[in-house]
Amino acid sequence: MAEIATVPPPYAEATIKVAIEKGALGAVGDSLQLLAAIARDEEMRFVASDPRIGAAKKKELFSSYAGGRLHEIARNLMGVLIDAHRDVLIGDIAEQFDELKRDHERVVRARITSAQPLTDSQRDDIVRALEKRYGKKVEAELEVDAKLLGGARVQVGDQVIHASVRDALAQMA
């Protein structure tokens, strides 16, 4: 289990460094997301875990599933991981890469949960306020939860901004 926490960061950091140098941040990120999706596929997981299947065959399988859509940097990373018997970490590395990419691009994710569906104007107002507060571009994920009764709850990273009727009632209680 320690490997899952300690191994992906160096791979992700090295990959993002090369992607930035080559001006291919978006393409590499997309390729890593594709590799992660392939690695999550049930058939691929079964085949990849079979000890009778060698590294060359695994590389061929990943490449054929990707259908030529892998950036060279991601393809090279995949080869290194398969050779090191660490292909199970592809999803974790892709996730770490995505976090590093967002940090590099000064982008944060916000989950906005509201009691009612937000209008485009309401969404834009919240996003503008968050961008001003955090000094970064905000990518918003919208959710609706009728249990909030009214208002909204916004989560950015570990921070939660409580602005719902339910949260206000809970604080009063």
N, C-alpha and C. Protein backbone atom coordinates (compact mmCIF):
# COMPACT_ATOMS: atom_id res chain seq x y z
N MET A 1 0.82 -1.19 0.00
CA MET A 1 0.00 0.00 0.00
C MET A 1 0.87 1.26 0.00
N ALA A 2 2.02 1.21 0.63
CA ALA A 2 2.90 2.37 0.65
C ALA A 2 3.32 2.75 -0.76
N GLU A 3 3.44 1.75 -1.64
CA GLU A 3 3.84 2.02 -3.01
C GLU A 3 2.83 2.92 -3.72
N ILE A 4 1.56 2.72 -3.46
CA ILE A 4 0.52 3.53 -4.10
C ILE A 4 0.69 5.00 -3.73
N ALA A 5 1.11 5.28 -2.51
CA ALA A 5 1.25 6.66 -2.06
C ALA A 5 2.58 7.29 -2.48
N THR A 6 3.64 6.49 -2.57
CA THR A 6 4.96 7.07 -2.80
C THR A 6 5.48 6.97 -4.23
N VAL A 7 5.01 6.03 -5.00
CA VAL A 7 5.55 5.83 -6.35
C VAL A 7 4.96 6.79 -7.39
N PRO A 8 3.65 7.02 -7.44
CA PRO A 8 3.12 7.88 -8.50
C PRO A 8 3.68 9.30 -8.57
N PRO A 9 3.90 9.99 -7.43
CA PRO A 9 4.37 11.39 -7.57
C PRO A 9 5.64 11.57 -8.39
N PRO A 10 6.71 10.79 -8.19
CA PRO A 10 7.90 11.03 -9.03
C PRO A 10 7.63 10.80 -10.52
N TYR A 11 6.84 9.80 -10.86
CA TYR A 11 6.51 9.56 -12.26
C TYR A 11 5.71 10.73 -12.82
N ALA A 12 4.71 11.19 -12.05
CA ALA A 12 3.88 12.31 -12.51
C ALA A 12 4.70 13.58 -12.64
N GLU A 13 5.58 13.82 -11.67
CA GLU A 13 6.41 15.03 -11.70
C GLU A 13 7.38 15.02 -12.90
N ALA A 14 7.99 13.88 -13.15
CA ALA A 14 8.90 13.78 -14.29
C ALA A 14 8.14 13.95 -15.60
N THR A 15 6.97 13.36 -15.68
CA THR A 15 6.17 13.44 -16.90
C THR A 15 5.70 14.86 -17.16
N ILE A 16 5.26 15.56 -16.12
CA ILE A 16 4.79 16.93 -16.34
C ILE A 16 5.95 17.84 -16.72
N LYS A 17 7.12 17.60 -16.15
CA LYS A 17 8.28 18.40 -16.48
C LYS A 17 8.60 18.27 -17.98
N VAL A 18 8.60 17.05 -18.48
CA VAL A 18 8.89 16.82 -19.90
C VAL A 18 7.77 17.40 -20.77
N ALA A 19 6.52 17.21 -20.33
CA ALA A 19 5.38 17.73 -21.11
C ALA A 19 5.43 19.25 -21.22
N ILE A 20 5.82 19.92 -20.14
CA ILE A 20 5.93 21.39 -20.17
C ILE A 20 7.06 21.80 -21.12
N GLU A 21 8.20 21.11 -21.01
CA GLU A 21 9.34 21.41 -21.88
C GLU A 21 8.99 21.25 -23.35
N LYS A 22 8.19 20.24 -23.67
CA LYS A 22 7.82 19.95 -25.06
C LYS A 22 6.58 20.72 -25.50
N GLY A 23 5.96 21.48 -24.59
CA GLY A 23 4.75 22.22 -24.94
C GLY A 23 3.58 21.31 -25.25
N ALA A 24 3.50 20.19 -24.54
CA ALA A 24 2.48 19.19 -24.84
C ALA A 24 1.65 18.83 -23.61
N LEU A 25 1.45 19.79 -22.72
CA LEU A 25 0.76 19.52 -21.47
C LEU A 25 -0.64 18.94 -21.67
N GLY A 26 -1.43 19.57 -22.52
CA GLY A 26 -2.80 19.10 -22.76
C GLY A 26 -2.84 17.73 -23.41
N ALA A 27 -2.02 17.53 -24.44
CA ALA A 27 -2.01 16.26 -25.16
C ALA A 27 -1.55 15.11 -24.27
N VAL A 28 -0.54 15.37 -23.44
CA VAL A 28 -0.05 14.32 -22.54
C VAL A 28 -1.11 14.02 -21.48
N GLY A 29 -1.74 15.06 -20.96
CA GLY A 29 -2.81 14.85 -19.97
C GLY A 29 -3.94 14.02 -20.54
N ASP A 30 -4.35 14.34 -21.76
CA ASP A 30 -5.41 13.56 -22.41
C ASP A 30 -4.98 12.11 -22.61
N SER A 31 -3.74 11.91 -23.01
CA SER A 31 -3.23 10.55 -23.23
C SER A 31 -3.19 9.76 -21.93
N LEU A 32 -2.79 10.42 -20.85
CA LEU A 32 -2.76 9.73 -19.56
C LEU A 32 -4.16 9.37 -19.08
N GLN A 33 -5.13 10.26 -19.33
CA GLN A 33 -6.51 9.94 -18.98
C GLN A 33 -7.02 8.74 -19.79
N LEU A 34 -6.63 8.69 -21.05
CA LEU A 34 -7.00 7.56 -21.90
C LEU A 34 -6.36 6.27 -21.37
N LEU A 35 -5.07 6.32 -21.04
CA LEU A 35 -4.39 5.15 -20.48
C LEU A 35 -5.05 4.69 -19.19
N ALA A 36 -5.43 5.64 -18.34
CA ALA A 36 -6.09 5.30 -17.08
C ALA A 36 -7.43 4.60 -17.34
N ALA A 37 -8.17 5.10 -18.33
CA ALA A 37 -9.45 4.48 -18.67
C ALA A 37 -9.24 3.07 -19.20
N ILE A 38 -8.23 2.89 -20.01
CA ILE A 38 -7.91 1.55 -20.53
C ILE A 38 -7.53 0.63 -19.38
N ALA A 39 -6.71 1.13 -18.45
CA ALA A 39 -6.26 0.32 -17.32
C ALA A 39 -7.43 -0.06 -16.41
N ARG A 40 -8.49 0.76 -16.36
CA ARG A 40 -9.66 0.46 -15.53
C ARG A 40 -10.59 -0.56 -16.18
N ASP A 41 -10.46 -0.75 -17.48
CA ASP A 41 -11.31 -1.68 -18.20
C ASP A 41 -11.16 -3.08 -17.61
N GLU A 42 -12.28 -3.73 -17.34
CA GLU A 42 -12.26 -5.03 -16.67
C GLU A 42 -11.46 -6.07 -17.45
N GLU A 43 -11.67 -6.14 -18.76
CA GLU A 43 -10.92 -7.10 -19.58
C GLU A 43 -9.43 -6.81 -19.53
N MET A 44 -9.08 -5.53 -19.63
CA MET A 44 -7.66 -5.16 -19.62
C MET A 44 -7.02 -5.48 -18.29
N ARG A 45 -7.74 -5.23 -17.19
CA ARG A 45 -7.21 -5.55 -15.86
C ARG A 45 -6.95 -7.05 -15.74
N PHE A 46 -7.86 -7.86 -16.27
CA PHE A 46 -7.71 -9.31 -16.22
C PHE A 46 -6.47 -9.74 -17.02
N VAL A 47 -6.36 -9.22 -18.22
CA VAL A 47 -5.22 -9.58 -19.09
C VAL A 47 -3.91 -9.08 -18.49
N ALA A 48 -3.91 -7.84 -18.00
CA ALA A 48 -2.69 -7.25 -17.46
C ALA A 48 -2.20 -7.96 -16.21
N SER A 49 -3.11 -8.57 -15.46
CA SER A 49 -2.70 -9.25 -14.23
C SER A 49 -2.27 -10.69 -14.48
N ASP A 50 -2.42 -11.17 -15.70
CA ASP A 50 -2.02 -12.55 -16.04
C ASP A 50 -0.49 -12.61 -16.17
N PRO A 51 0.17 -13.38 -15.30
CA PRO A 51 1.64 -13.43 -15.33
C PRO A 51 2.20 -14.07 -16.60
N ARG A 52 1.37 -14.75 -17.36
CA ARG A 52 1.84 -15.40 -18.59
C ARG A 52 1.97 -14.40 -19.74
N ILE A 53 1.43 -13.20 -19.56
CA ILE A 53 1.49 -12.20 -20.62
C ILE A 53 2.69 -11.30 -20.35
N GLY A 54 3.58 -11.24 -21.31
CA GLY A 54 4.81 -10.48 -21.16
C GLY A 54 4.62 -8.98 -21.39
N ALA A 55 5.68 -8.24 -21.08
CA ALA A 55 5.64 -6.78 -21.20
C ALA A 55 5.35 -6.34 -22.63
N ALA A 56 5.97 -6.98 -23.61
CA ALA A 56 5.78 -6.58 -25.00
C ALA A 56 4.30 -6.72 -25.41
N LYS A 57 3.67 -7.81 -24.99
CA LYS A 57 2.26 -8.03 -25.32
C LYS A 57 1.37 -7.00 -24.62
N LYS A 58 1.70 -6.66 -23.35
CA LYS A 58 0.92 -5.66 -22.63
C LYS A 58 1.02 -4.30 -23.32
N LYS A 59 2.22 -3.94 -23.74
CA LYS A 59 2.41 -2.66 -24.44
C LYS A 59 1.60 -2.64 -25.73
N GLU A 60 1.63 -3.76 -26.43
CA GLU A 60 0.86 -3.87 -27.68
C GLU A 60 -0.64 -3.73 -27.41
N LEU A 61 -1.12 -4.37 -26.33
CA LEU A 61 -2.54 -4.29 -25.99
C LEU A 61 -2.95 -2.86 -25.64
N PHE A 62 -2.16 -2.18 -24.79
CA PHE A 62 -2.48 -0.80 -24.43
C PHE A 62 -2.50 0.07 -25.69
N SER A 63 -1.50 -0.10 -26.55
CA SER A 63 -1.42 0.70 -27.77
C SER A 63 -2.60 0.42 -28.70
N SER A 64 -2.99 -0.84 -28.82
CA SER A 64 -4.10 -1.15 -29.71
C SER A 64 -5.42 -0.62 -29.15
N TYR A 65 -5.61 -0.69 -27.84
CA TYR A 65 -6.82 -0.11 -27.23
C TYR A 65 -6.85 1.40 -27.46
N ALA A 66 -5.68 2.04 -27.39
CA ALA A 66 -5.61 3.50 -27.55
C ALA A 66 -5.81 3.91 -29.01
N GLY A 67 -5.57 3.02 -29.92
CA GLY A 67 -5.81 3.30 -31.33
C GLY A 67 -4.99 4.45 -31.90
N GLY A 68 -3.75 4.56 -31.50
CA GLY A 68 -2.89 5.61 -32.05
C GLY A 68 -3.13 6.98 -31.47
N ARG A 69 -3.89 7.08 -30.37
CA ARG A 69 -4.22 8.38 -29.80
C ARG A 69 -3.29 8.77 -28.64
N LEU A 70 -2.20 8.02 -28.43
CA LEU A 70 -1.30 8.33 -27.32
C LEU A 70 -0.18 9.26 -27.75
N HIS A 71 0.05 10.27 -26.96
CA HIS A 71 1.20 11.15 -27.19
C HIS A 71 2.46 10.34 -26.88
N GLU A 72 3.54 10.65 -27.56
CA GLU A 72 4.80 9.93 -27.40
C GLU A 72 5.26 9.88 -25.94
N ILE A 73 5.11 10.97 -25.20
CA ILE A 73 5.53 11.01 -23.81
C ILE A 73 4.73 10.01 -22.97
N ALA A 74 3.43 9.96 -23.18
CA ALA A 74 2.58 9.02 -22.44
C ALA A 74 2.89 7.58 -22.85
N ARG A 75 3.13 7.37 -24.13
CA ARG A 75 3.48 6.02 -24.62
C ARG A 75 4.79 5.55 -23.97
N ASN A 76 5.77 6.46 -23.88
CA ASN A 76 7.04 6.10 -23.24
C ASN A 76 6.84 5.80 -21.76
N LEU A 77 6.03 6.60 -21.07
CA LEU A 77 5.75 6.35 -19.66
C LEU A 77 5.09 4.99 -19.48
N MET A 78 4.12 4.70 -20.34
CA MET A 78 3.44 3.41 -20.27
C MET A 78 4.45 2.27 -20.40
N GLY A 79 5.38 2.38 -21.33
CA GLY A 79 6.40 1.35 -21.52
C GLY A 79 7.27 1.18 -20.28
N VAL A 80 7.68 2.29 -19.69
CA VAL A 80 8.51 2.24 -18.48
C VAL A 80 7.75 1.56 -17.34
N LEU A 81 6.47 1.92 -17.18
CA LEU A 81 5.66 1.34 -16.11
C LEU A 81 5.45 -0.16 -16.31
N ILE A 82 5.17 -0.55 -17.53
CA ILE A 82 4.96 -1.98 -17.81
C ILE A 82 6.26 -2.74 -17.58
N ASP A 83 7.38 -2.21 -18.03
CA ASP A 83 8.67 -2.88 -17.83
C ASP A 83 9.00 -3.03 -16.35
N ALA A 84 8.58 -2.06 -15.53
CA ALA A 84 8.86 -2.08 -14.09
C ALA A 84 7.76 -2.81 -13.31
N HIS A 85 6.81 -3.41 -14.02
CA HIS A 85 5.67 -4.11 -13.39
C HIS A 85 4.87 -3.17 -12.50
N ARG A 86 4.73 -1.93 -12.96
CA ARG A 86 3.98 -0.93 -12.20
C ARG A 86 2.82 -0.36 -13.01
N ASP A 87 2.38 -1.09 -14.00
CA ASP A 87 1.29 -0.60 -14.84
C ASP A 87 -0.01 -0.43 -14.05
N VAL A 88 -0.12 -1.07 -12.89
CA VAL A 88 -1.32 -0.89 -12.06
C VAL A 88 -1.41 0.53 -11.50
N LEU A 89 -0.32 1.28 -11.58
CA LEU A 89 -0.29 2.64 -11.04
C LEU A 89 -0.66 3.71 -12.06
N ILE A 90 -0.98 3.30 -13.28
CA ILE A 90 -1.26 4.27 -14.34
C ILE A 90 -2.36 5.24 -13.94
N GLY A 91 -3.44 4.74 -13.36
CA GLY A 91 -4.54 5.62 -12.94
C GLY A 91 -4.12 6.63 -11.89
N ASP A 92 -3.33 6.17 -10.91
CA ASP A 92 -2.87 7.08 -9.86
C ASP A 92 -1.92 8.13 -10.42
N ILE A 93 -1.07 7.73 -11.34
CA ILE A 93 -0.13 8.67 -11.96
C ILE A 93 -0.89 9.70 -12.79
N ALA A 94 -1.91 9.24 -13.53
CA ALA A 94 -2.72 10.16 -14.33
C ALA A 94 -3.42 11.18 -13.43
N GLU A 95 -3.91 10.73 -12.29
CA GLU A 95 -4.58 11.62 -11.34
C GLU A 95 -3.59 12.65 -10.78
N GLN A 96 -2.40 12.19 -10.40
CA GLN A 96 -1.37 13.10 -9.89
C GLN A 96 -0.96 14.11 -10.96
N PHE A 97 -0.79 13.62 -12.19
CA PHE A 97 -0.43 14.49 -13.31
C PHE A 97 -1.49 15.58 -13.48
N ASP A 98 -2.76 15.18 -13.41
CA ASP A 98 -3.86 16.14 -13.57
C ASP A 98 -3.80 17.22 -12.49
N GLU A 99 -3.51 16.83 -11.26
CA GLU A 99 -3.39 17.81 -10.18
C GLU A 99 -2.23 18.77 -10.44
N LEU A 100 -1.08 18.23 -10.85
CA LEU A 100 0.08 19.06 -11.15
C LEU A 100 -0.20 20.00 -12.32
N LYS A 101 -0.91 19.48 -13.32
CA LYS A 101 -1.27 20.29 -14.50
C LYS A 101 -2.17 21.45 -14.08
N ARG A 102 -3.16 21.17 -13.26
CA ARG A 102 -4.06 22.23 -12.79
C ARG A 102 -3.29 23.28 -11.99
N ASP A 103 -2.37 22.83 -11.16
CA ASP A 103 -1.57 23.75 -10.37
C ASP A 103 -0.71 24.62 -11.30
N HIS A 104 -0.11 24.00 -12.30
CA HIS A 104 0.72 24.74 -13.26
C HIS A 104 -0.11 25.78 -14.02
N GLU A 105 -1.33 25.40 -14.37
CA GLU A 105 -2.21 26.29 -15.13
C GLU A 105 -3.01 27.23 -14.24
N ARG A 106 -2.79 27.14 -12.92
CA ARG A 106 -3.49 27.97 -11.95
C ARG A 106 -5.01 27.79 -12.07
N VAL A 107 -5.43 26.53 -11.99
CA VAL A 107 -6.84 26.18 -12.08
C VAL A 107 -7.22 25.37 -10.84
N VAL A 108 -8.37 25.68 -10.25
CA VAL A 108 -8.89 24.88 -9.15
C VAL A 108 -10.26 24.34 -9.54
N ARG A 109 -10.59 23.21 -8.96
CA ARG A 109 -11.91 22.62 -9.16
C ARG A 109 -12.81 23.01 -8.01
N ALA A 110 -14.03 23.32 -8.33
CA ALA A 110 -15.02 23.63 -7.30
C ALA A 110 -16.24 22.76 -7.53
N ARG A 111 -16.72 22.16 -6.46
CA ARG A 111 -17.97 21.41 -6.54
C ARG A 111 -19.04 22.28 -5.90
N ILE A 112 -20.00 22.69 -6.70
CA ILE A 112 -21.08 23.56 -6.24
C ILE A 112 -22.34 22.70 -6.14
N THR A 113 -22.80 22.53 -4.92
CA THR A 113 -24.00 21.73 -4.68
C THR A 113 -25.10 22.69 -4.26
N SER A 114 -26.20 22.69 -4.99
CA SER A 114 -27.30 23.61 -4.70
C SER A 114 -28.59 22.84 -4.51
N ALA A 115 -29.54 23.49 -3.84
CA ALA A 115 -30.83 22.87 -3.59
C ALA A 115 -31.66 22.79 -4.87
N GLN A 116 -31.48 23.75 -5.74
CA GLN A 116 -32.20 23.82 -7.02
C GLN A 116 -31.16 23.92 -8.14
N PRO A 117 -31.50 23.51 -9.35
CA PRO A 117 -30.56 23.71 -10.46
C PRO A 117 -30.25 25.20 -10.62
N LEU A 118 -28.98 25.52 -10.81
CA LEU A 118 -28.56 26.91 -10.96
C LEU A 118 -28.75 27.37 -12.40
N THR A 119 -29.09 28.63 -12.54
CA THR A 119 -29.14 29.22 -13.88
C THR A 119 -27.69 29.49 -14.30
N ASP A 120 -27.48 29.73 -15.58
CA ASP A 120 -26.13 30.06 -16.06
C ASP A 120 -25.61 31.31 -15.37
N SER A 121 -26.48 32.27 -15.16
CA SER A 121 -26.09 33.53 -14.52
C SER A 121 -25.65 33.29 -13.07
N GLN A 122 -26.40 32.48 -12.34
CA GLN A 122 -26.04 32.17 -10.95
C GLN A 122 -24.70 31.43 -10.90
N ARG A 123 -24.54 30.48 -11.80
CA ARG A 123 -23.30 29.71 -11.86
C ARG A 123 -22.12 30.65 -12.13
N ASP A 124 -22.29 31.52 -13.12
CA ASP A 124 -21.23 32.46 -13.49
C ASP A 124 -20.88 33.39 -12.34
N ASP A 125 -21.90 33.85 -11.59
CA ASP A 125 -21.65 34.73 -10.44
C ASP A 125 -20.82 34.01 -9.38
N ILE A 126 -21.16 32.77 -9.09
CA ILE A 126 -20.42 32.00 -8.09
C ILE A 126 -19.00 31.76 -8.56
N VAL A 127 -18.84 31.38 -9.82
CA VAL A 127 -17.50 31.13 -10.36
C VAL A 127 -16.64 32.39 -10.31
N ARG A 128 -17.22 33.54 -10.69
CA ARG A 128 -16.47 34.81 -10.64
C ARG A 128 -16.02 35.13 -9.20
N ALA A 129 -16.92 34.92 -8.25
CA ALA A 129 -16.58 35.19 -6.84
C ALA A 129 -15.47 34.26 -6.37
N LEU A 130 -15.52 33.00 -6.78
CA LEU A 130 -14.48 32.04 -6.39
C LEU A 130 -13.15 32.38 -7.05
N GLU A 131 -13.19 32.79 -8.31
CA GLU A 131 -11.95 33.17 -9.00
C GLU A 131 -11.31 34.38 -8.33
N LYS A 132 -12.13 35.31 -7.89
CA LYS A 132 -11.61 36.48 -7.19
C LYS A 132 -11.02 36.07 -5.84
N ARG A 133 -11.70 35.19 -5.14
CA ARG A 133 -11.25 34.76 -3.81
C ARG A 133 -9.94 33.97 -3.88
N TYR A 134 -9.83 33.06 -4.86
CA TYR A 134 -8.67 32.17 -4.93
C TYR A 134 -7.58 32.66 -5.88
N GLY A 135 -7.89 33.64 -6.70
CA GLY A 135 -6.90 34.16 -7.64
C GLY A 135 -6.50 33.15 -8.70
N LYS A 136 -7.40 32.23 -8.99
CA LYS A 136 -7.16 31.19 -10.00
C LYS A 136 -8.42 31.01 -10.82
N LYS A 137 -8.25 30.40 -11.99
CA LYS A 137 -9.40 30.03 -12.81
C LYS A 137 -10.13 28.89 -12.10
N VAL A 138 -11.44 28.89 -12.15
CA VAL A 138 -12.25 27.88 -11.47
C VAL A 138 -13.00 27.03 -12.48
N GLU A 139 -12.86 25.72 -12.36
CA GLU A 139 -13.67 24.78 -13.12
C GLU A 139 -14.74 24.26 -12.17
N ALA A 140 -15.98 24.52 -12.49
CA ALA A 140 -17.07 24.18 -11.58
C ALA A 140 -17.79 22.90 -12.01
N GLU A 141 -18.02 22.05 -11.02
CA GLU A 141 -18.88 20.87 -11.19
C GLU A 141 -20.15 21.17 -10.43
N LEU A 142 -21.28 21.05 -11.09
CA LEU A 142 -22.56 21.37 -10.47
C LEU A 142 -23.29 20.10 -10.05
N GLU A 143 -23.89 20.17 -8.85
CA GLU A 143 -24.73 19.07 -8.36
C GLU A 143 -25.97 19.68 -7.74
N VAL A 144 -27.03 18.90 -7.71
CA VAL A 144 -28.27 19.34 -7.07
C VAL A 144 -28.56 18.36 -5.94
N ASP A 145 -28.85 18.91 -4.74
CA ASP A 145 -29.20 18.10 -3.57
C ASP A 145 -30.34 18.81 -2.86
N ALA A 146 -31.55 18.29 -3.05
CA ALA A 146 -32.74 18.92 -2.47
C ALA A 146 -32.69 18.96 -0.95
N LYS A 147 -31.87 18.13 -0.33
CA LYS A 147 -31.76 18.11 1.14
C LYS A 147 -31.18 19.41 1.69
N LEU A 148 -30.56 20.21 0.84
CA LEU A 148 -29.99 21.48 1.30
C LEU A 148 -31.06 22.51 1.61
N LEU A 149 -32.27 22.29 1.15
CA LEU A 149 -33.43 23.14 1.35
C LEU A 149 -33.36 24.45 0.55
N GLY A 150 -32.26 25.10 0.53
CA GLY A 150 -32.08 26.35 -0.21
C GLY A 150 -30.61 26.74 -0.16
N GLY A 151 -30.17 27.61 -1.06
CA GLY A 151 -28.79 28.05 -1.07
C GLY A 151 -27.88 27.03 -1.73
N ALA A 152 -26.60 27.06 -1.31
CA ALA A 152 -25.62 26.18 -1.95
C ALA A 152 -24.48 25.88 -0.98
N ARG A 153 -23.74 24.84 -1.30
CA ARG A 153 -22.52 24.48 -0.60
C ARG A 153 -21.44 24.38 -1.67
N VAL A 154 -20.31 25.03 -1.42
CA VAL A 154 -19.21 25.03 -2.39
C VAL A 154 -17.99 24.40 -1.76
N GLN A 155 -17.40 23.44 -2.47
CA GLN A 155 -16.18 22.81 -1.99
C GLN A 155 -15.07 23.06 -3.00
N VAL A 156 -13.97 23.63 -2.50
CA VAL A 156 -12.77 23.86 -3.30
C VAL A 156 -11.63 23.20 -2.55
N GLY A 157 -11.14 22.10 -3.09
CA GLY A 157 -10.10 21.35 -2.38
C GLY A 157 -10.64 20.87 -1.05
N ASP A 158 -9.94 21.21 0.03
CA ASP A 158 -10.35 20.80 1.37
C ASP A 158 -11.29 21.81 2.02
N GLN A 159 -11.47 22.96 1.40
CA GLN A 159 -12.30 24.00 1.99
C GLN A 159 -13.76 23.85 1.54
N VAL A 160 -14.66 24.02 2.51
CA VAL A 160 -16.09 23.97 2.22
C VAL A 160 -16.71 25.29 2.66
N ILE A 161 -17.43 25.91 1.76
CA ILE A 161 -18.15 27.15 2.06
C ILE A 161 -19.61 26.78 2.21
N HIS A 162 -20.12 26.93 3.42
CA HIS A 162 -21.51 26.56 3.72
C HIS A 162 -22.41 27.77 3.53
N ALA A 163 -23.28 27.70 2.56
CA ALA A 163 -24.22 28.80 2.33
C ALA A 163 -25.61 28.23 2.04
N SER A 164 -25.92 27.10 2.68
CA SER A 164 -27.23 26.50 2.45
C SER A 164 -28.11 26.68 3.69
N VAL A 165 -29.39 26.60 3.49
CA VAL A 165 -30.33 26.71 4.60
C VAL A 165 -30.11 25.57 5.59
N ARG A 166 -29.89 24.39 5.08
CA ARG A 166 -29.67 23.23 5.95
C ARG A 166 -28.44 23.44 6.84
N ASP A 167 -27.35 23.94 6.27
CA ASP A 167 -26.14 24.19 7.05
C ASP A 167 -26.39 25.28 8.10
N ALA A 168 -27.14 26.32 7.73
CA ALA A 168 -27.45 27.39 8.66
C ALA A 168 -28.28 26.86 9.83
N LEU A 169 -29.26 26.02 9.55
CA LEU A 169 -30.06 25.42 10.60
C LEU A 169 -29.23 24.52 11.50
N ALA A 170 -28.32 23.77 10.90
CA ALA A 170 -27.45 22.89 11.69
C ALA A 170 -26.55 23.71 12.60
N GLN A 171 -26.05 24.86 12.13
CA GLN A 171 -25.22 25.72 12.97
C GLN A 171 -26.02 26.33 14.12
N MET A 172 -27.27 26.69 13.84
CA MET A 172 -28.12 27.24 14.90
C MET A 172 -28.43 26.20 15.97
N ALA A 173 -28.60 24.96 15.52
CA ALA A 173 -28.92 23.88 16.47
C ALA A 173 -27.74 23.66 17.38
